[in-house]
Protein backbone atom coordinates (compact mmCIF):
# COMPACT_ATOMS: atom_id res chain seq x y z
CA MET A 1 -0.03 0.01 -0.03
CA ALA A 2 1.27 3.48 -0.86
CA ALA A 3 -0.39 6.82 -0.46
CA ARG A 4 0.42 10.37 -1.23
CA TYR A 5 -0.60 13.14 1.05
CA ARG A 6 -0.52 17.04 0.80
CA VAL A 7 0.50 18.57 4.12
CA SER A 8 -0.39 22.27 4.55
CA VAL A 9 0.83 24.41 7.54
CA ASP A 10 -0.81 27.65 8.29
CA THR A 11 0.91 29.47 11.13
CA GLY A 12 -1.81 32.25 11.24
CA ARG A 13 1.17 34.56 11.55
CA ASP A 14 1.77 34.90 7.82
CA ALA A 15 1.00 37.97 5.82
CA PRO A 16 -2.69 38.29 5.16
CA GLY A 17 -3.58 36.53 1.88
CA SER A 18 -0.43 34.44 1.91
CA ALA A 19 -0.71 30.77 1.17
CA PRO A 20 0.10 28.19 3.75
CA ARG A 21 3.36 26.19 3.35
CA GLU A 22 2.77 22.88 1.53
CA GLN A 23 4.70 19.77 0.92
CA GLN A 24 3.85 16.27 -0.28
CA TRP A 25 4.39 13.09 1.90
CA VAL A 26 4.60 9.60 0.51
CA PHE A 27 3.53 6.84 2.85
CA VAL A 28 4.34 3.16 2.29
CA ARG A 29 2.90 0.23 4.23
CA GLU A 30 4.34 -3.28 3.93
CA PRO A 31 3.89 -6.22 6.40
CA HIS A 32 7.01 -5.55 8.36
CA ARG A 33 7.96 -1.98 7.12
CA VAL A 34 6.26 1.42 7.38
CA ALA A 35 7.80 4.39 5.87
CA VAL A 36 6.95 7.97 5.26
CA SER A 37 8.84 10.66 3.28
CA LYS A 38 8.20 14.05 4.71
CA GLY A 39 10.19 16.36 2.29
CA ASP A 40 13.55 16.82 3.83
CA SER A 41 13.31 13.81 6.17
CA GLU A 42 12.08 10.33 6.09
CA GLU A 43 11.13 7.77 8.73
CA ILE A 44 11.51 4.12 8.00
CA TRP A 45 10.17 1.84 10.70
CA GLN A 46 11.05 -1.96 10.56
CA ARG A 47 9.33 -4.70 12.65
CA LEU A 48 11.87 -7.38 13.37
CA PRO A 49 11.01 -11.16 13.41
CA GLY A 50 11.47 -11.29 17.24
CA GLY A 51 8.86 -8.49 17.62
CA GLY A 52 11.22 -5.58 18.19
CA ILE A 53 10.96 -2.26 16.09
CA THR A 54 13.71 -0.16 14.67
CA LEU A 55 13.74 3.29 13.10
CA GLN A 56 15.93 4.79 10.39
CA ARG A 57 15.47 8.63 10.26
CA VAL A 58 16.75 9.95 6.93
CA LEU A 59 18.01 13.55 6.85
CA HIS A 60 18.39 14.69 3.23
CA ARG A 61 20.01 18.07 3.92
CA GLN A 62 22.74 16.47 5.94
CA GLN A 63 22.87 13.31 3.75
CA ARG A 64 22.75 11.12 6.88
CA VAL A 65 20.70 8.09 8.13
CA ILE A 66 20.16 7.95 11.93
CA ASP A 67 19.78 4.37 13.03
CA TYR A 68 17.64 3.83 16.08
CA SER A 69 17.90 0.17 17.40
CA ALA A 70 15.04 -1.32 19.37
CA GLY A 71 17.16 -0.86 22.47
CA GLU A 72 17.84 2.77 21.69
CA LEU A 73 14.09 3.44 21.24
CA ALA A 74 13.39 1.70 24.55
CA ALA A 75 16.10 3.85 26.17
CA LEU A 76 14.34 7.01 24.80
CA GLN A 77 11.11 5.59 26.35
CA VAL A 78 9.45 5.50 22.80
CA GLU A 79 6.52 3.11 22.94
CA VAL A 80 5.89 2.14 19.25
CA ASP A 81 2.27 1.44 18.30
CA TRP A 82 2.72 -0.61 15.20
CA ALA A 83 -1.07 -0.42 14.34
CA ALA A 84 -1.08 3.36 14.53
CA LEU A 85 2.16 3.54 12.48
CA SER A 86 0.59 1.26 9.89
CA ARG A 87 -2.35 3.77 9.50
CA LEU A 88 -0.26 6.97 9.58
CA ALA A 89 -2.42 8.05 12.48
CA SER A 90 -4.84 6.65 14.90
CA PRO A 91 -8.55 7.03 13.75
CA GLU A 92 -9.17 9.01 17.04
CA PRO A 93 -6.17 11.27 17.51
CA ALA A 94 -6.56 14.62 19.20
CA ALA A 95 -7.65 16.40 15.86
CA SER A 96 -10.47 16.28 13.36
CA THR A 97 -10.05 13.17 11.28
CA GLU A 98 -11.82 11.73 8.27
CA TRP A 99 -11.20 8.08 7.74
CA ASN A 100 -11.18 5.52 4.78
CA ASP A 101 -11.95 2.30 6.49
CA ALA A 102 -11.35 0.31 3.24
CA VAL A 103 -7.63 1.09 3.18
CA GLN A 104 -7.20 1.86 6.93
CA LEU A 105 -5.78 5.34 6.22
CA PRO A 106 -6.86 8.85 7.04
CA THR A 107 -8.36 10.91 4.23
CA ARG A 108 -8.05 14.17 6.08
CA ILE A 109 -6.62 15.19 9.44
CA THR A 110 -6.96 18.85 10.71
CA GLN A 111 -4.99 19.70 13.89
CA ARG A 112 -4.33 22.97 15.62
CA LEU A 113 -0.91 23.30 17.28
CA ASN A 114 0.07 25.87 19.97
CA GLY A 115 -3.43 27.53 19.58
CA HIS A 116 -2.57 29.27 16.25
CA THR A 117 -0.83 26.85 13.79
CA GLN A 118 -3.20 24.73 11.76
CA VAL A 119 -1.91 21.54 10.14
CA ARG A 120 -3.98 19.76 7.46
CA ILE A 121 -3.01 16.42 5.96
CA GLU A 122 -5.11 15.46 2.90
CA LEU A 123 -4.96 12.12 0.98
CA LEU A 124 -4.25 12.93 -2.67
CA ASP A 125 -4.16 9.29 -3.97
CA TRP A 126 -3.28 5.70 -2.98
CA ALA A 127 -2.47 2.51 -4.73
CA THR A 128 -1.71 -1.10 -3.75
CA THR A 129 1.63 -0.62 -5.33
CA ALA A 130 3.38 2.77 -5.74
CA PRO A 131 3.41 4.35 -9.17
CA ALA A 132 6.89 4.36 -10.78
CA ASP A 133 6.99 8.18 -10.78
CA TRP A 134 6.58 8.37 -6.90
CA VAL A 135 9.84 9.04 -4.97
CA LEU A 136 9.59 6.36 -2.28
CA PRO A 137 11.11 6.60 1.16
CA GLY A 138 14.58 5.14 1.26
CA SER A 139 15.11 5.50 -2.42
CA ARG A 140 17.40 8.53 -2.31
CA SER A 141 19.60 7.59 0.78
CA ALA A 142 21.64 4.50 -0.40
CA ASP A 143 24.92 6.57 -0.33
CA TYR A 144 24.32 8.43 2.94
CA LEU A 145 26.48 7.94 5.94
CA HIS A 146 24.83 6.00 8.86
CA ILE A 147 24.99 7.26 12.41
CA ASP A 148 24.00 5.11 15.37
CA ALA A 149 21.63 7.12 17.65
CA ALA A 150 23.30 5.45 20.64
CA ASP A 151 26.51 7.41 19.78
CA PHE A 152 24.89 10.91 19.98
CA GLY A 153 26.64 11.78 23.24
CA ASP A 154 30.03 11.59 21.43
CA MET A 155 28.90 13.58 18.48
CA ALA A 156 27.04 16.64 19.85
CA TYR A 157 29.01 18.86 17.38
CA ASP A 158 27.54 17.03 14.33
CA PRO A 159 24.71 18.90 12.37
CA ALA A 160 22.88 15.73 11.62
CA VAL A 161 22.96 14.74 15.22
CA ARG A 162 21.62 18.22 16.29
CA ALA A 163 18.78 17.94 13.58
CA ALA A 164 17.88 14.39 14.74
CA GLU A 165 17.84 15.40 18.40
CA ALA A 166 15.59 18.31 17.56
CA LEU A 167 13.22 15.87 15.80
CA ASP A 168 13.41 13.58 18.85
CA VAL A 169 12.29 16.42 21.15
CA GLN A 170 9.59 17.61 18.73
CA ALA A 171 8.27 13.93 18.88
CA GLY A 172 8.21 14.08 22.66
CA TRP A 173 11.02 11.60 23.08
CA ARG A 174 13.18 11.93 26.31
CA ARG A 175 16.75 11.99 25.55
CA HIS A 176 19.11 11.87 28.58
CA ALA A 177 22.73 12.48 28.57
CA HIS A 178 24.60 9.37 29.24
CA GLY A 179 28.23 9.45 30.45
CA HIS A 180 31.02 7.19 29.26
């Protein structure tokens, strides 16, 4: 299953009459892999045979892939809900959601953040197999350098590490400094 979404962000602070910022996301769902391309970044979640879940966060600006092992996600106190990941969102998130039960994907999510920013995610199209002209998550990062998220404490200077840590915080993950 592959789906394409339009994501619009209207901060409410832009000049009157200005258009919201927009980007396209591509979402791919396979039995043991869920991936979403979000413009400059991608998330590729993998369910392991033993039940553990890993994440690769692709940062295109820095040309890096951040690898989060199942153990590192546990250390960050990230509880991964595979069913919610597989549907891009839960049918009942803290937002207005329209749902397509047949494909188990949202057709529209509208959410207000911080009281003034409105985010709208709209399903553009979907297919059981992604069309050849879609840029799929993971397809542009084959030559990128990989960084293990467990090594962040030793790499605070690295722009990719700082970008990944900012995304961790934005996602509500708790990163604690660990000494060596």
